[in-house]
Amino acid sequence: MDPNATLNEMRRLACTDDEIRELTPREAYRLAELVAALDAWMVSGGFPPTDWDPRRIREQARNSR
């Protein structure tokens, strides 16, 4: 599994131009599949998506000051 690709697809499904959008039933099902897959990946010891890495988040916060 590629957690970065999974997160990117989740974001693509859920948002358009930084706004949450209404999903079709098929899109909602796919988003639920992706959430379940990412959860299973991380619970079994997989690494989080890069954007969720606490070190990266702290570094971005420091750089934005």
PDB file of N, CA and C in Angstrom:
ATOM      1  N   MET A   1       0.839  -1.183   0.000  1.00  0.00           N
ATOM      2  CA  MET A   1       0.000   0.000   0.000  1.00  0.00           C
ATOM      3  C   MET A   1       0.881   1.242   0.000  1.00  0.00           C
ATOM      4  N   ASP A   2       0.429   2.234  -0.693  1.00  0.00           N
ATOM      5  CA  ASP A   2       1.107   3.534  -0.693  1.00  0.00           C
ATOM      6  C   ASP A   2       0.205   4.509   0.072  1.00  0.00           C
ATOM      7  N   PRO A   3       0.534   4.800   1.334  1.00  0.00           N
ATOM      8  CA  PRO A   3      -0.333   5.673   2.124  1.00  0.00           C
ATOM      9  C   PRO A   3      -0.428   7.088   1.550  1.00  0.00           C
ATOM     10  N   ASN A   4       0.609   7.541   0.860  1.00  0.00           N
ATOM     11  CA  ASN A   4       0.550   8.879   0.261  1.00  0.00           C
ATOM     12  C   ASN A   4      -0.457   8.915  -0.879  1.00  0.00           C
ATOM     13  N   ALA A   5      -0.455   7.900  -1.728  1.00  0.00           N
ATOM     14  CA  ALA A   5      -1.420   7.828  -2.831  1.00  0.00           C
ATOM     15  C   ALA A   5      -2.837   7.684  -2.281  1.00  0.00           C
ATOM     16  N   THR A   6      -2.981   6.903  -1.213  1.00  0.00           N
ATOM     17  CA  THR A   6      -4.295   6.718  -0.598  1.00  0.00           C
ATOM     18  C   THR A   6      -4.818   8.042  -0.069  1.00  0.00           C
ATOM     19  N   LEU A   7      -3.984   8.776   0.650  1.00  0.00           N
ATOM     20  CA  LEU A   7      -4.404  10.073   1.181  1.00  0.00           C
ATOM     21  C   LEU A   7      -4.738  11.044   0.051  1.00  0.00           C
ATOM     22  N   ASN A   8      -3.940  11.044  -1.001  1.00  0.00           N
ATOM     23  CA  ASN A   8      -4.221  11.934  -2.136  1.00  0.00           C
ATOM     24  C   ASN A   8      -5.574  11.623  -2.758  1.00  0.00           C
ATOM     25  N   GLU A   9      -5.893  10.341  -2.912  1.00  0.00           N
ATOM     26  CA  GLU A   9      -7.198   9.973  -3.474  1.00  0.00           C
ATOM     27  C   GLU A   9      -8.324  10.351  -2.521  1.00  0.00           C
ATOM     28  N   MET A  10      -8.102  10.161  -1.225  1.00  0.00           N
ATOM     29  CA  MET A  10      -9.113  10.558  -0.245  1.00  0.00           C
ATOM     30  C   MET A  10      -9.389  12.058  -0.345  1.00  0.00           C
ATOM     31  N   ARG A  11      -8.349  12.836  -0.444  1.00  0.00           N
ATOM     32  CA  ARG A  11      -8.511  14.291  -0.556  1.00  0.00           C
ATOM     33  C   ARG A  11      -9.208  14.674  -1.851  1.00  0.00           C
ATOM     34  N   ARG A  12      -8.853  14.002  -2.927  1.00  0.00           N
ATOM     35  CA  ARG A  12      -9.466  14.300  -4.226  1.00  0.00           C
ATOM     36  C   ARG A  12     -10.963  14.020  -4.189  1.00  0.00           C
ATOM     37  N   LEU A  13     -11.333  12.922  -3.557  1.00  0.00           N
ATOM     38  CA  LEU A  13     -12.744  12.580  -3.464  1.00  0.00           C
ATOM     39  C   LEU A  13     -13.512  13.555  -2.582  1.00  0.00           C
ATOM     40  N   ALA A  14     -12.919  13.954  -1.480  1.00  0.00           N
ATOM     41  CA  ALA A  14     -13.646  14.730  -0.471  1.00  0.00           C
ATOM     42  C   ALA A  14     -13.685  16.230  -0.741  1.00  0.00           C
ATOM     43  N   CYS A  15     -12.734  16.757  -1.469  1.00  0.00           N
ATOM     44  CA  CYS A  15     -12.633  18.216  -1.601  1.00  0.00           C
ATOM     45  C   CYS A  15     -12.426  18.659  -3.043  1.00  0.00           C
ATOM     46  N   THR A  16     -12.975  19.814  -3.328  1.00  0.00           N
ATOM     47  CA  THR A  16     -12.732  20.499  -4.585  1.00  0.00           C
ATOM     48  C   THR A  16     -12.433  21.950  -4.238  1.00  0.00           C
ATOM     49  N   ASP A  17     -11.286  22.430  -4.668  1.00  0.00           N
ATOM     50  CA  ASP A  17     -10.898  23.817  -4.369  1.00  0.00           C
ATOM     51  C   ASP A  17     -10.988  24.123  -2.878  1.00  0.00           C
ATOM     52  N   ASP A  18     -10.469  23.206  -2.052  1.00  0.00           N
ATOM     53  CA  ASP A  18     -10.428  23.366  -0.600  1.00  0.00           C
ATOM     54  C   ASP A  18     -11.805  23.448   0.057  1.00  0.00           C
ATOM     55  N   GLU A  19     -12.848  23.000  -0.629  1.00  0.00           N
ATOM     56  CA  GLU A  19     -14.177  22.946  -0.037  1.00  0.00           C
ATOM     57  C   GLU A  19     -14.682  21.516  -0.083  1.00  0.00           C
ATOM     58  N   ILE A  20     -15.350  21.119   0.983  1.00  0.00           N
ATOM     59  CA  ILE A  20     -15.933  19.778   1.020  1.00  0.00           C
ATOM     60  C   ILE A  20     -17.081  19.739   0.020  1.00  0.00           C
ATOM     61  N   ARG A  21     -17.165  18.635  -0.705  1.00  0.00           N
ATOM     62  CA  ARG A  21     -18.226  18.540  -1.703  1.00  0.00           C
ATOM     63  C   ARG A  21     -19.098  17.323  -1.427  1.00  0.00           C
ATOM     64  N   GLU A  22     -20.280  17.334  -2.007  1.00  0.00           N
ATOM     65  CA  GLU A  22     -21.195  16.204  -1.862  1.00  0.00           C
ATOM     66  C   GLU A  22     -20.719  15.063  -2.754  1.00  0.00           C
ATOM     67  N   LEU A  23     -20.703  13.870  -2.194  1.00  0.00           N
ATOM     68  CA  LEU A  23     -20.226  12.703  -2.924  1.00  0.00           C
ATOM     69  C   LEU A  23     -21.385  11.893  -3.492  1.00  0.00           C
ATOM     70  N   THR A  24     -21.126  11.258  -4.610  1.00  0.00           N
ATOM     71  CA  THR A  24     -22.079  10.279  -5.126  1.00  0.00           C
ATOM     72  C   THR A  24     -21.982   9.046  -4.233  1.00  0.00           C
ATOM     73  N   PRO A  25     -22.966   8.171  -4.272  1.00  0.00           N
ATOM     74  CA  PRO A  25     -22.859   6.941  -3.477  1.00  0.00           C
ATOM     75  C   PRO A  25     -21.595   6.140  -3.816  1.00  0.00           C
ATOM     76  N   ARG A  26     -21.239   6.070  -5.070  1.00  0.00           N
ATOM     77  CA  ARG A  26     -20.037   5.330  -5.478  1.00  0.00           C
ATOM     78  C   ARG A  26     -18.776   5.975  -4.891  1.00  0.00           C
ATOM     79  N   GLU A  27     -18.707   7.314  -4.930  1.00  0.00           N
ATOM     80  CA  GLU A  27     -17.552   8.021  -4.369  1.00  0.00           C
ATOM     81  C   GLU A  27     -17.490   7.852  -2.852  1.00  0.00           C
ATOM     82  N   ALA A  28     -18.640   7.895  -2.197  1.00  0.00           N
ATOM     83  CA  ALA A  28     -18.679   7.716  -0.742  1.00  0.00           C
ATOM     84  C   ALA A  28     -18.197   6.316  -0.363  1.00  0.00           C
ATOM     85  N   TYR A  29     -18.595   5.317  -1.129  1.00  0.00           N
ATOM     86  CA  TYR A  29     -18.148   3.954  -0.875  1.00  0.00           C
ATOM     87  C   TYR A  29     -16.630   3.849  -1.062  1.00  0.00           C
ATOM     88  N   ARG A  30     -16.121   4.448  -2.126  1.00  0.00           N
ATOM     89  CA  ARG A  30     -14.674   4.414  -2.382  1.00  0.00           C
ATOM     90  C   ARG A  30     -13.920   5.111  -1.260  1.00  0.00           C
ATOM     91  N   LEU A  31     -14.415   6.249  -0.807  1.00  0.00           N
ATOM     92  CA  LEU A  31     -13.759   6.964   0.292  1.00  0.00           C
ATOM     93  C   LEU A  31     -13.743   6.103   1.555  1.00  0.00           C
ATOM     94  N   ALA A  32     -14.846   5.422   1.838  1.00  0.00           N
ATOM     95  CA  ALA A  32     -14.898   4.532   3.002  1.00  0.00           C
ATOM     96  C   ALA A  32     -13.876   3.400   2.847  1.00  0.00           C
ATOM     97  N   GLU A  33     -13.739   2.848   1.651  1.00  0.00           N
ATOM     98  CA  GLU A  33     -12.731   1.806   1.405  1.00  0.00           C
ATOM     99  C   GLU A  33     -11.325   2.319   1.694  1.00  0.00           C
ATOM    100  N   LEU A  34     -11.045   3.523   1.233  1.00  0.00           N
ATOM    101  CA  LEU A  34      -9.718   4.102   1.423  1.00  0.00           C
ATOM    102  C   LEU A  34      -9.421   4.361   2.894  1.00  0.00           C
ATOM    103  N   VAL A  35     -10.411   4.878   3.620  1.00  0.00           N
ATOM    104  CA  VAL A  35     -10.231   5.122   5.058  1.00  0.00           C
ATOM    105  C   VAL A  35      -9.950   3.803   5.774  1.00  0.00           C
ATOM    106  N   ALA A  36     -10.721   2.774   5.462  1.00  0.00           N
ATOM    107  CA  ALA A  36     -10.529   1.472   6.098  1.00  0.00           C
ATOM    108  C   ALA A  36      -9.155   0.891   5.761  1.00  0.00           C
ATOM    109  N   ALA A  37      -8.742   1.037   4.514  1.00  0.00           N
ATOM    110  CA  ALA A  37      -7.444   0.498   4.096  1.00  0.00           C
ATOM    111  C   ALA A  37      -6.297   1.226   4.791  1.00  0.00           C
ATOM    112  N   LEU A  38      -6.378   2.543   4.873  1.00  0.00           N
ATOM    113  CA  LEU A  38      -5.318   3.311   5.536  1.00  0.00           C
ATOM    114  C   LEU A  38      -5.278   2.992   7.028  1.00  0.00           C
ATOM    115  N   ASP A  39      -6.447   2.853   7.649  1.00  0.00           N
ATOM    116  CA  ASP A  39      -6.500   2.487   9.056  1.00  0.00           C
ATOM    117  C   ASP A  39      -5.864   1.116   9.279  1.00  0.00           C
ATOM    118  N   ALA A  40      -6.225   0.136   8.458  1.00  0.00           N
ATOM    119  CA  ALA A  40      -5.658  -1.214   8.590  1.00  0.00           C
ATOM    120  C   ALA A  40      -4.148  -1.188   8.400  1.00  0.00           C
ATOM    121  N   TRP A  41      -3.688  -0.407   7.445  1.00  0.00           N
ATOM    122  CA  TRP A  41      -2.256  -0.270   7.165  1.00  0.00           C
ATOM    123  C   TRP A  41      -1.513   0.253   8.387  1.00  0.00           C
ATOM    124  N   MET A  42      -2.038   1.330   8.972  1.00  0.00           N
ATOM    125  CA  MET A  42      -1.353   1.955  10.096  1.00  0.00           C
ATOM    126  C   MET A  42      -1.453   1.114  11.367  1.00  0.00           C
ATOM    127  N   VAL A  43      -2.583   0.477  11.602  1.00  0.00           N
ATOM    128  CA  VAL A  43      -2.749  -0.376  12.784  1.00  0.00           C
ATOM    129  C   VAL A  43      -1.798  -1.561  12.728  1.00  0.00           C
ATOM    130  N   SER A  44      -1.506  -2.027  11.522  1.00  0.00           N
ATOM    131  CA  SER A  44      -0.609  -3.182  11.383  1.00  0.00           C
ATOM    132  C   SER A  44       0.867  -2.781  11.353  1.00  0.00           C
ATOM    133  N   GLY A  45       1.155  -1.509  11.647  1.00  0.00           N
ATOM    134  CA  GLY A  45       2.542  -1.073  11.742  1.00  0.00           C
ATOM    135  C   GLY A  45       3.050  -0.292  10.559  1.00  0.00           C
ATOM    136  N   GLY A  46       2.180  -0.022   9.599  1.00  0.00           N
ATOM    137  CA  GLY A  46       2.593   0.765   8.439  1.00  0.00           C
ATOM    138  C   GLY A  46       2.829   2.222   8.815  1.00  0.00           C
ATOM    139  N   PHE A  47       3.618   2.888   8.012  1.00  0.00           N
ATOM    140  CA  PHE A  47       3.932   4.293   8.271  1.00  0.00           C
ATOM    141  C   PHE A  47       2.804   5.188   7.774  1.00  0.00           C
ATOM    142  N   PRO A  48       2.633   6.352   8.393  1.00  0.00           N
ATOM    143  CA  PRO A  48       1.568   7.271   7.977  1.00  0.00           C
ATOM    144  C   PRO A  48       1.941   7.982   6.681  1.00  0.00           C
ATOM    145  N   PRO A  49       0.956   8.597   6.029  1.00  0.00           N
ATOM    146  CA  PRO A  49       1.273   9.434   4.875  1.00  0.00           C
ATOM    147  C   PRO A  49       2.263  10.530   5.290  1.00  0.00           C
ATOM    148  N   THR A  50       3.079  10.948   4.374  1.00  0.00           N
ATOM    149  CA  THR A  50       4.087  11.972   4.656  1.00  0.00           C
ATOM    150  C   THR A  50       3.462  13.229   5.251  1.00  0.00           C
ATOM    151  N   ASP A  51       2.301  13.625   4.742  1.00  0.00           N
ATOM    152  CA  ASP A  51       1.654  14.839   5.251  1.00  0.00           C
ATOM    153  C   ASP A  51       1.195  14.702   6.702  1.00  0.00           C
ATOM    154  N   TRP A  52       1.112  13.488   7.208  1.00  0.00           N
ATOM    155  CA  TRP A  52       0.697  13.264   8.592  1.00  0.00           C
ATOM    156  C   TRP A  52       1.880  13.007   9.511  1.00  0.00           C
ATOM    157  N   ASP A  53       3.082  13.072   9.014  1.00  0.00           N
ATOM    158  CA  ASP A  53       4.274  12.821   9.820  1.00  0.00           C
ATOM    159  C   ASP A  53       4.450  13.975  10.814  1.00  0.00           C
ATOM    160  N   PRO A  54       4.433  13.692  12.117  1.00  0.00           N
ATOM    161  CA  PRO A  54       4.533  14.762  13.112  1.00  0.00           C
ATOM    162  C   PRO A  54       5.779  15.635  12.944  1.00  0.00           C
ATOM    163  N   ARG A  55       6.891  15.037  12.541  1.00  0.00           N
ATOM    164  CA  ARG A  55       8.115  15.838  12.358  1.00  0.00           C
ATOM    165  C   ARG A  55       7.924  16.850  11.227  1.00  0.00           C
ATOM    166  N   ARG A  56       7.291  16.420  10.156  1.00  0.00           N
ATOM    167  CA  ARG A  56       7.048  17.323   9.025  1.00  0.00           C
ATOM    168  C   ARG A  56       6.077  18.437   9.422  1.00  0.00           C
ATOM    169  N   ILE A  57       5.061  18.081  10.197  1.00  0.00           N
ATOM    170  CA  ILE A  57       4.074  19.074  10.632  1.00  0.00           C
ATOM    171  C   ILE A  57       4.742  20.122  11.521  1.00  0.00           C
ATOM    172  N   ARG A  58       5.602  19.670  12.454  1.00  0.00           N
ATOM    173  CA  ARG A  58       6.305  20.622  13.322  1.00  0.00           C
ATOM    174  C   ARG A  58       7.221  21.522  12.500  1.00  0.00           C
ATOM    175  N   GLU A  59       7.911  20.951  11.531  1.00  0.00           N
ATOM    176  CA  GLU A  59       8.817  21.747  10.699  1.00  0.00           C
ATOM    177  C   GLU A  59       8.048  22.781   9.892  1.00  0.00           C
ATOM    178  N   GLN A  60       6.911  22.412   9.345  1.00  0.00           N
ATOM    179  CA  GLN A  60       6.091  23.370   8.608  1.00  0.00           C
ATOM    180  C   GLN A  60       5.603  24.495   9.522  1.00  0.00           C
ATOM    181  N   ALA A  61       5.233  24.145  10.746  1.00  0.00           N
ATOM    182  CA  ALA A  61       4.772  25.154  11.702  1.00  0.00           C
ATOM    183  C   ALA A  61       5.899  26.136  12.024  1.00  0.00           C
ATOM    184  N   ARG A  62       7.114  25.607  12.219  1.00  0.00           N
ATOM    185  CA  ARG A  62       8.258  26.492  12.502  1.00  0.00           C
ATOM    186  C   ARG A  62       8.541  27.401  11.323  1.00  0.00           C
ATOM    187  N   ASN A  63       8.445  26.885  10.115  1.00  0.00           N
ATOM    188  CA  ASN A  63       8.760  27.671   8.921  1.00  0.00           C
ATOM    189  C   ASN A  63       7.702  28.711   8.601  1.00  0.00           C
ATOM    190  N   SER A  64       6.495  28.528   9.114  1.00  0.00           N
ATOM    191  CA  SER A  64       5.432  29.479   8.811  1.00  0.00           C
ATOM    192  C   SER A  64       5.396  30.657   9.788  1.00  0.00           C
ATOM    193  N   ARG A  65       6.243  30.618  10.783  1.00  0.00           N
ATOM    194  CA  ARG A  65       6.262  31.718  11.774  1.00  0.00           C
ATOM    195  C   ARG A  65       6.984  32.917  11.258  1.00  0.00           C
TER     196      ARG A  65
END
